[in-house]
Amino acid sequence: MATVADILAYLETLAPRNMKMDWDNVGLLCGRRDREVTRILVALDPFLHVCREAKELGAELLVTHHPLIFSPVKAVTDDTEVGTCIGYLWENGISAINAHTNLDCAPEGVNDILARRLGLSDIQVVDPMGTDEQGRPWGLLRIGQVEQMPLPEFLPIVKDRLDCSGLRYCDGGRPVSHVAVGGGACGSELRDAARAGCDTFVTSDVKYNQFRDAQYMGINLIDAGHFPTENPVVGLLAEKIAAAFPEIQVKISESHGDVTKFY
């Protein structure tokens, strides 16, 4: 029977630890490495309702994109959701593994999946940070092409394919053809996307001044939301784990979802 350590080792072949950002926290963040695994729940976030869903499933392992522990934790108590989740998982014998910025940067990770979901072709890594063992370049952003269209025609494509509740955007005054993507909060990468030749950048958590910078630079900037831009990778994770460990039941969370709502 496969153990938590076996699943972790496999996930690190998909998203090696060396691909993470220096400030990030990835890997096994709660639980025992030697715990045998028969069921796995996969989700974007390790929120409390997802932890409870893992228990209801009878899962010994929760695999997420976002880390259970991100900022330093000084106490594990029920005063915070993080402390409550850690205690709940430990009490119920559930381990927690995450692949965060390493999965953003990895080949076939968050941003390759996002680019394909939006229908981009000729997908390339923007400013590669290295190559993996197969010689594939890796890095944070991706850029690709779509058939040229006005921005008002591209916006509903983004909204529909990412199942967004809404979009924030600024019009850079150019048609859409060369599109850069960065799942999650990648607004700070705007200038890298511009240097790569994009006329349109799809990301999330964009700040006010970043919209203004984009408009000044003549780039269409689309904020499609953190959850919608990263959630497509959850299905890939579940599929790959299930294929590598056919004896384990792998399930995508039914309770996780975007906490951001539009009125």
Protein backbone atom coordinates (compact mmCIF):
# COMPACT_ATOMS: atom_id res chain seq x y z
CA MET A 1 0.00 0.00 0.00
CA ALA A 2 1.26 3.48 -0.93
CA THR A 3 2.12 5.89 1.89
CA VAL A 4 1.98 9.64 2.26
CA ALA A 5 5.72 9.67 1.51
CA ASP A 6 5.11 7.84 -1.77
CA ILE A 7 2.47 10.36 -2.87
CA LEU A 8 4.74 13.25 -1.90
CA ALA A 9 7.65 11.80 -3.88
CA TYR A 10 5.42 11.43 -6.93
CA LEU A 11 4.04 14.97 -6.70
CA GLU A 12 7.57 16.29 -6.54
CA THR A 13 8.26 14.68 -9.92
CA LEU A 14 5.37 16.77 -11.33
CA ALA A 15 6.32 19.97 -9.49
CA PRO A 16 9.88 19.72 -8.12
CA ARG A 17 10.55 21.63 -4.90
CA ASN A 18 13.39 23.58 -6.52
CA MET A 19 10.83 25.31 -8.77
CA LYS A 20 9.09 27.07 -5.88
CA MET A 21 9.60 30.72 -4.96
CA ASP A 22 11.97 31.31 -2.04
CA TRP A 23 9.17 32.67 0.19
CA ASP A 24 6.82 29.75 -0.41
CA ASN A 25 5.90 26.76 1.77
CA VAL A 26 5.30 23.48 -0.06
CA GLY A 27 5.30 19.74 0.55
CA LEU A 28 4.03 17.81 3.56
CA LEU A 29 2.79 20.40 6.06
CA CYS A 30 0.77 18.18 8.39
CA GLY A 31 0.70 14.46 9.17
CA ARG A 32 2.83 11.33 9.11
CA ARG A 33 4.96 10.26 6.17
CA ASP A 34 4.45 6.56 6.93
CA ARG A 35 0.64 6.72 6.95
CA GLU A 36 -0.89 4.30 4.42
CA VAL A 37 -3.24 5.96 1.94
CA THR A 38 -6.43 4.48 0.50
CA ARG A 39 -8.33 7.69 -0.31
CA ILE A 40 -7.20 11.18 -1.34
CA LEU A 41 -9.20 14.40 -1.57
CA VAL A 42 -7.86 17.03 -4.00
CA ALA A 43 -8.81 20.72 -3.73
CA LEU A 44 -7.46 24.17 -4.41
CA ASP A 45 -7.59 25.26 -0.76
CA PRO A 46 -7.27 23.44 2.60
CA PHE A 47 -10.12 25.39 4.21
CA LEU A 48 -11.99 23.88 7.16
CA HIS A 49 -14.99 22.73 5.14
CA VAL A 50 -12.60 20.90 2.79
CA CYS A 51 -10.87 19.26 5.77
CA ARG A 52 -14.27 18.08 7.00
CA GLU A 53 -15.06 16.75 3.53
CA ALA A 54 -11.81 14.76 3.63
CA LYS A 55 -12.90 13.16 6.88
CA GLU A 56 -16.35 12.35 5.48
CA LEU A 57 -14.68 10.69 2.49
CA GLY A 58 -12.47 8.63 4.79
CA ALA A 59 -9.38 10.15 3.18
CA GLU A 60 -5.99 9.82 4.82
CA LEU A 61 -4.53 12.57 2.63
CA LEU A 62 -5.57 16.03 1.46
CA VAL A 63 -3.71 17.37 -1.59
CA THR A 64 -4.10 21.07 -2.37
CA HIS A 65 -2.49 23.83 -4.41
CA HIS A 66 -2.52 26.43 -1.64
CA PRO A 67 -0.54 25.66 1.53
CA LEU A 68 -2.18 24.84 4.84
CA ILE A 69 0.53 26.89 6.57
CA PHE A 70 1.72 29.98 4.72
CA SER A 71 2.73 32.58 7.31
CA PRO A 72 4.60 31.46 10.45
CA VAL A 73 2.23 29.89 12.99
CA LYS A 74 2.95 30.78 16.63
CA ALA A 75 0.17 28.67 18.12
CA VAL A 76 -2.08 25.81 16.97
CA THR A 77 -5.42 26.65 18.59
CA ASP A 78 -9.01 27.11 17.51
CA ASP A 79 -8.53 30.90 17.63
CA THR A 80 -7.67 30.80 13.91
CA GLU A 81 -8.90 28.77 10.97
CA VAL A 82 -5.35 27.59 10.25
CA GLY A 83 -4.94 26.29 13.82
CA THR A 84 -8.37 24.67 13.71
CA CYS A 85 -7.56 22.96 10.41
CA ILE A 86 -4.19 21.66 11.63
CA GLY A 87 -5.76 20.27 14.80
CA TYR A 88 -8.70 18.77 12.91
CA LEU A 89 -6.49 17.04 10.35
CA TRP A 90 -4.12 15.68 12.99
CA GLU A 91 -6.93 14.45 15.24
CA ASN A 92 -8.46 12.59 12.30
CA GLY A 93 -5.22 11.13 10.96
CA ILE A 94 -5.31 13.16 7.74
CA SER A 95 -2.08 14.42 6.21
CA ALA A 96 -1.86 17.57 4.07
CA ILE A 97 0.41 18.04 1.07
CA ASN A 98 0.50 21.05 -1.24
CA ALA A 99 2.26 22.08 -4.42
CA HIS A 100 2.05 25.86 -4.75
CA THR A 101 4.45 28.08 -6.70
CA ASN A 102 6.38 25.00 -7.80
CA LEU A 103 3.19 23.88 -9.56
CA ASP A 104 2.70 27.38 -10.99
CA CYS A 105 6.13 27.22 -12.60
CA ALA A 106 6.32 23.54 -13.55
CA PRO A 107 5.76 22.26 -17.09
CA GLU A 108 2.13 21.08 -17.38
CA GLY A 109 1.33 22.99 -14.19
CA VAL A 110 -1.09 25.79 -13.33
CA ASN A 111 -0.14 28.16 -16.12
CA ASP A 112 0.13 25.64 -18.94
CA ILE A 113 -3.33 24.37 -18.01
CA LEU A 114 -4.69 27.94 -17.81
CA ALA A 115 -3.24 28.81 -21.21
CA ARG A 116 -4.82 25.75 -22.81
CA ARG A 117 -8.15 26.37 -21.07
CA LEU A 118 -8.24 29.80 -22.74
CA GLY A 119 -7.51 28.26 -26.14
CA LEU A 120 -3.98 29.59 -26.59
CA SER A 121 -1.72 28.00 -29.18
CA ASP A 122 2.08 28.02 -29.55
CA ILE A 123 2.40 28.27 -25.76
CA GLN A 124 5.82 29.38 -24.50
CA VAL A 125 7.38 30.02 -21.10
CA VAL A 126 8.08 33.68 -20.43
CA ASP A 127 11.65 34.20 -19.13
CA PRO A 128 12.45 30.53 -18.37
CA MET A 129 14.12 29.98 -15.00
CA GLY A 130 15.63 26.64 -15.98
CA THR A 131 14.88 23.29 -17.58
CA ASP A 132 13.60 20.11 -15.98
CA GLU A 133 15.04 16.60 -16.29
CA GLN A 134 13.25 16.19 -19.62
CA GLY A 135 14.78 19.38 -20.95
CA ARG A 136 11.51 21.34 -20.77
CA PRO A 137 11.75 25.02 -19.81
CA TRP A 138 9.97 26.13 -16.65
CA GLY A 139 9.02 29.48 -15.21
CA LEU A 140 6.05 31.47 -13.96
CA LEU A 141 4.19 33.03 -16.90
CA ARG A 142 3.04 31.58 -20.23
CA ILE A 143 2.32 33.37 -23.50
CA GLY A 144 0.46 32.08 -26.54
CA GLN A 145 -1.68 33.11 -29.44
CA VAL A 146 -5.35 33.31 -30.31
CA GLU A 147 -7.00 34.30 -33.54
CA GLN A 148 -7.10 38.08 -33.48
CA MET A 149 -10.30 39.55 -32.08
CA PRO A 150 -11.50 42.72 -30.34
CA LEU A 151 -11.24 42.71 -26.55
CA PRO A 152 -15.07 42.68 -26.12
CA GLU A 153 -15.13 39.34 -27.94
CA PHE A 154 -12.35 37.84 -25.81
CA LEU A 155 -13.84 38.81 -22.45
CA PRO A 156 -16.83 36.42 -22.61
CA ILE A 157 -14.48 33.61 -23.69
CA VAL A 158 -12.42 34.12 -20.52
CA LYS A 159 -15.53 34.38 -18.34
CA ASP A 160 -17.11 31.24 -19.80
CA ARG A 161 -14.05 29.00 -19.94
CA LEU A 162 -12.93 29.84 -16.41
CA ASP A 163 -16.47 29.87 -15.02
CA CYS A 164 -15.95 33.33 -13.54
CA SER A 165 -18.66 35.22 -11.68
CA GLY A 166 -17.28 38.39 -13.21
CA LEU A 167 -14.18 40.06 -14.63
CA ARG A 168 -12.29 43.25 -13.84
CA TYR A 169 -10.35 44.63 -16.78
CA CYS A 170 -8.88 47.62 -18.47
CA ASP A 171 -8.86 48.21 -22.22
CA GLY A 172 -5.37 48.85 -23.53
CA GLY A 173 -6.73 49.90 -26.91
CA ARG A 174 -5.44 46.90 -28.86
CA PRO A 175 -7.03 43.79 -30.35
CA VAL A 176 -6.32 40.47 -28.65
CA SER A 177 -3.88 38.08 -30.32
CA HIS A 178 -0.84 37.52 -28.11
CA VAL A 179 -2.03 36.56 -24.63
CA ALA A 180 0.08 36.11 -21.48
CA VAL A 181 -1.35 34.27 -18.47
CA GLY A 182 -0.40 34.02 -14.81
CA GLY A 183 -2.74 32.09 -12.54
CA GLY A 184 -3.27 33.70 -9.15
CA ALA A 185 -1.77 37.02 -8.10
CA CYS A 186 0.63 37.83 -10.93
CA GLY A 187 -0.17 41.50 -11.51
CA SER A 188 3.39 42.38 -10.50
CA GLU A 189 4.59 40.42 -13.55
CA LEU A 190 2.93 42.87 -15.97
CA ARG A 191 6.19 44.26 -17.33
CA ASP A 192 7.58 40.76 -17.92
CA ALA A 193 4.42 39.92 -19.87
CA ALA A 194 4.81 43.14 -21.86
CA ARG A 195 8.46 42.40 -22.69
CA ALA A 196 7.36 39.00 -23.97
CA GLY A 197 5.19 40.77 -26.54
CA CYS A 198 1.70 40.32 -25.13
CA ASP A 199 -1.16 42.64 -26.00
CA THR A 200 -3.36 41.01 -23.32
CA PHE A 201 -2.55 39.66 -19.86
CA VAL A 202 -4.93 37.40 -17.90
CA THR A 203 -4.22 37.05 -14.17
CA SER A 204 -5.90 37.93 -10.85
CA ASP A 205 -5.76 40.08 -7.70
CA VAL A 206 -4.74 43.09 -9.79
CA LYS A 207 -4.12 46.36 -7.92
CA TYR A 208 -5.56 49.71 -9.01
CA ASN A 209 -2.22 51.13 -10.10
CA GLN A 210 -1.45 47.98 -12.10
CA PHE A 211 -4.57 48.55 -14.18
CA ARG A 212 -3.41 52.11 -14.80
CA ASP A 213 0.10 50.93 -15.71
CA ALA A 214 -1.37 48.46 -18.20
CA GLN A 215 -3.53 51.12 -19.82
CA TYR A 216 -0.54 53.45 -20.13
CA MET A 217 1.50 50.61 -21.69
CA GLY A 218 -1.28 49.77 -24.14
CA ILE A 219 -1.98 46.30 -22.73
CA ASN A 220 -5.38 44.77 -22.07
CA LEU A 221 -5.31 43.58 -18.46
CA ILE A 222 -7.93 41.07 -17.27
CA ASP A 223 -8.44 40.08 -13.63
CA ALA A 224 -10.35 36.79 -13.82
CA GLY A 225 -10.13 35.96 -10.12
CA HIS A 226 -7.73 33.90 -8.05
CA PHE A 227 -9.86 30.77 -7.77
CA PRO A 228 -10.96 30.64 -11.44
CA THR A 229 -7.43 31.10 -12.81
CA GLU A 230 -5.93 28.35 -10.63
CA ASN A 231 -8.74 25.85 -10.14
CA PRO A 232 -8.30 24.17 -13.57
CA VAL A 233 -5.12 22.51 -12.28
CA VAL A 234 -7.06 20.58 -9.60
CA GLY A 235 -8.51 18.22 -12.19
CA LEU A 236 -5.06 17.58 -13.63
CA LEU A 237 -3.64 16.77 -10.18
CA ALA A 238 -6.44 14.34 -9.44
CA GLU A 239 -6.09 12.68 -12.84
CA LYS A 240 -2.33 12.22 -12.57
CA ILE A 241 -2.44 10.89 -8.98
CA ALA A 242 -5.19 8.43 -9.90
CA ALA A 243 -3.19 7.18 -12.89
CA ALA A 244 -0.01 6.75 -10.84
CA PHE A 245 -1.79 5.04 -7.92
CA PRO A 246 -4.76 3.12 -9.38
CA GLU A 247 -5.33 1.31 -6.08
CA ILE A 248 -6.16 4.63 -4.35
CA GLN A 249 -9.54 6.37 -4.59
CA VAL A 250 -8.93 9.96 -5.69
CA LYS A 251 -11.75 12.49 -5.49
CA ILE A 252 -12.00 16.19 -6.35
CA SER A 253 -13.57 18.26 -3.60
CA GLU A 254 -17.23 19.09 -4.06
CA SER A 255 -17.22 21.73 -1.33
CA HIS A 256 -14.37 23.95 -2.45
CA GLY A 257 -15.25 27.05 -4.42
CA ASP A 258 -14.55 30.73 -4.93
CA VAL A 259 -15.08 32.69 -1.71
CA THR A 260 -15.27 35.93 -3.72
CA LYS A 261 -18.80 36.84 -4.79
CA PHE A 262 -20.20 39.58 -6.99
CA TYR A 263 -23.30 41.51 -5.96
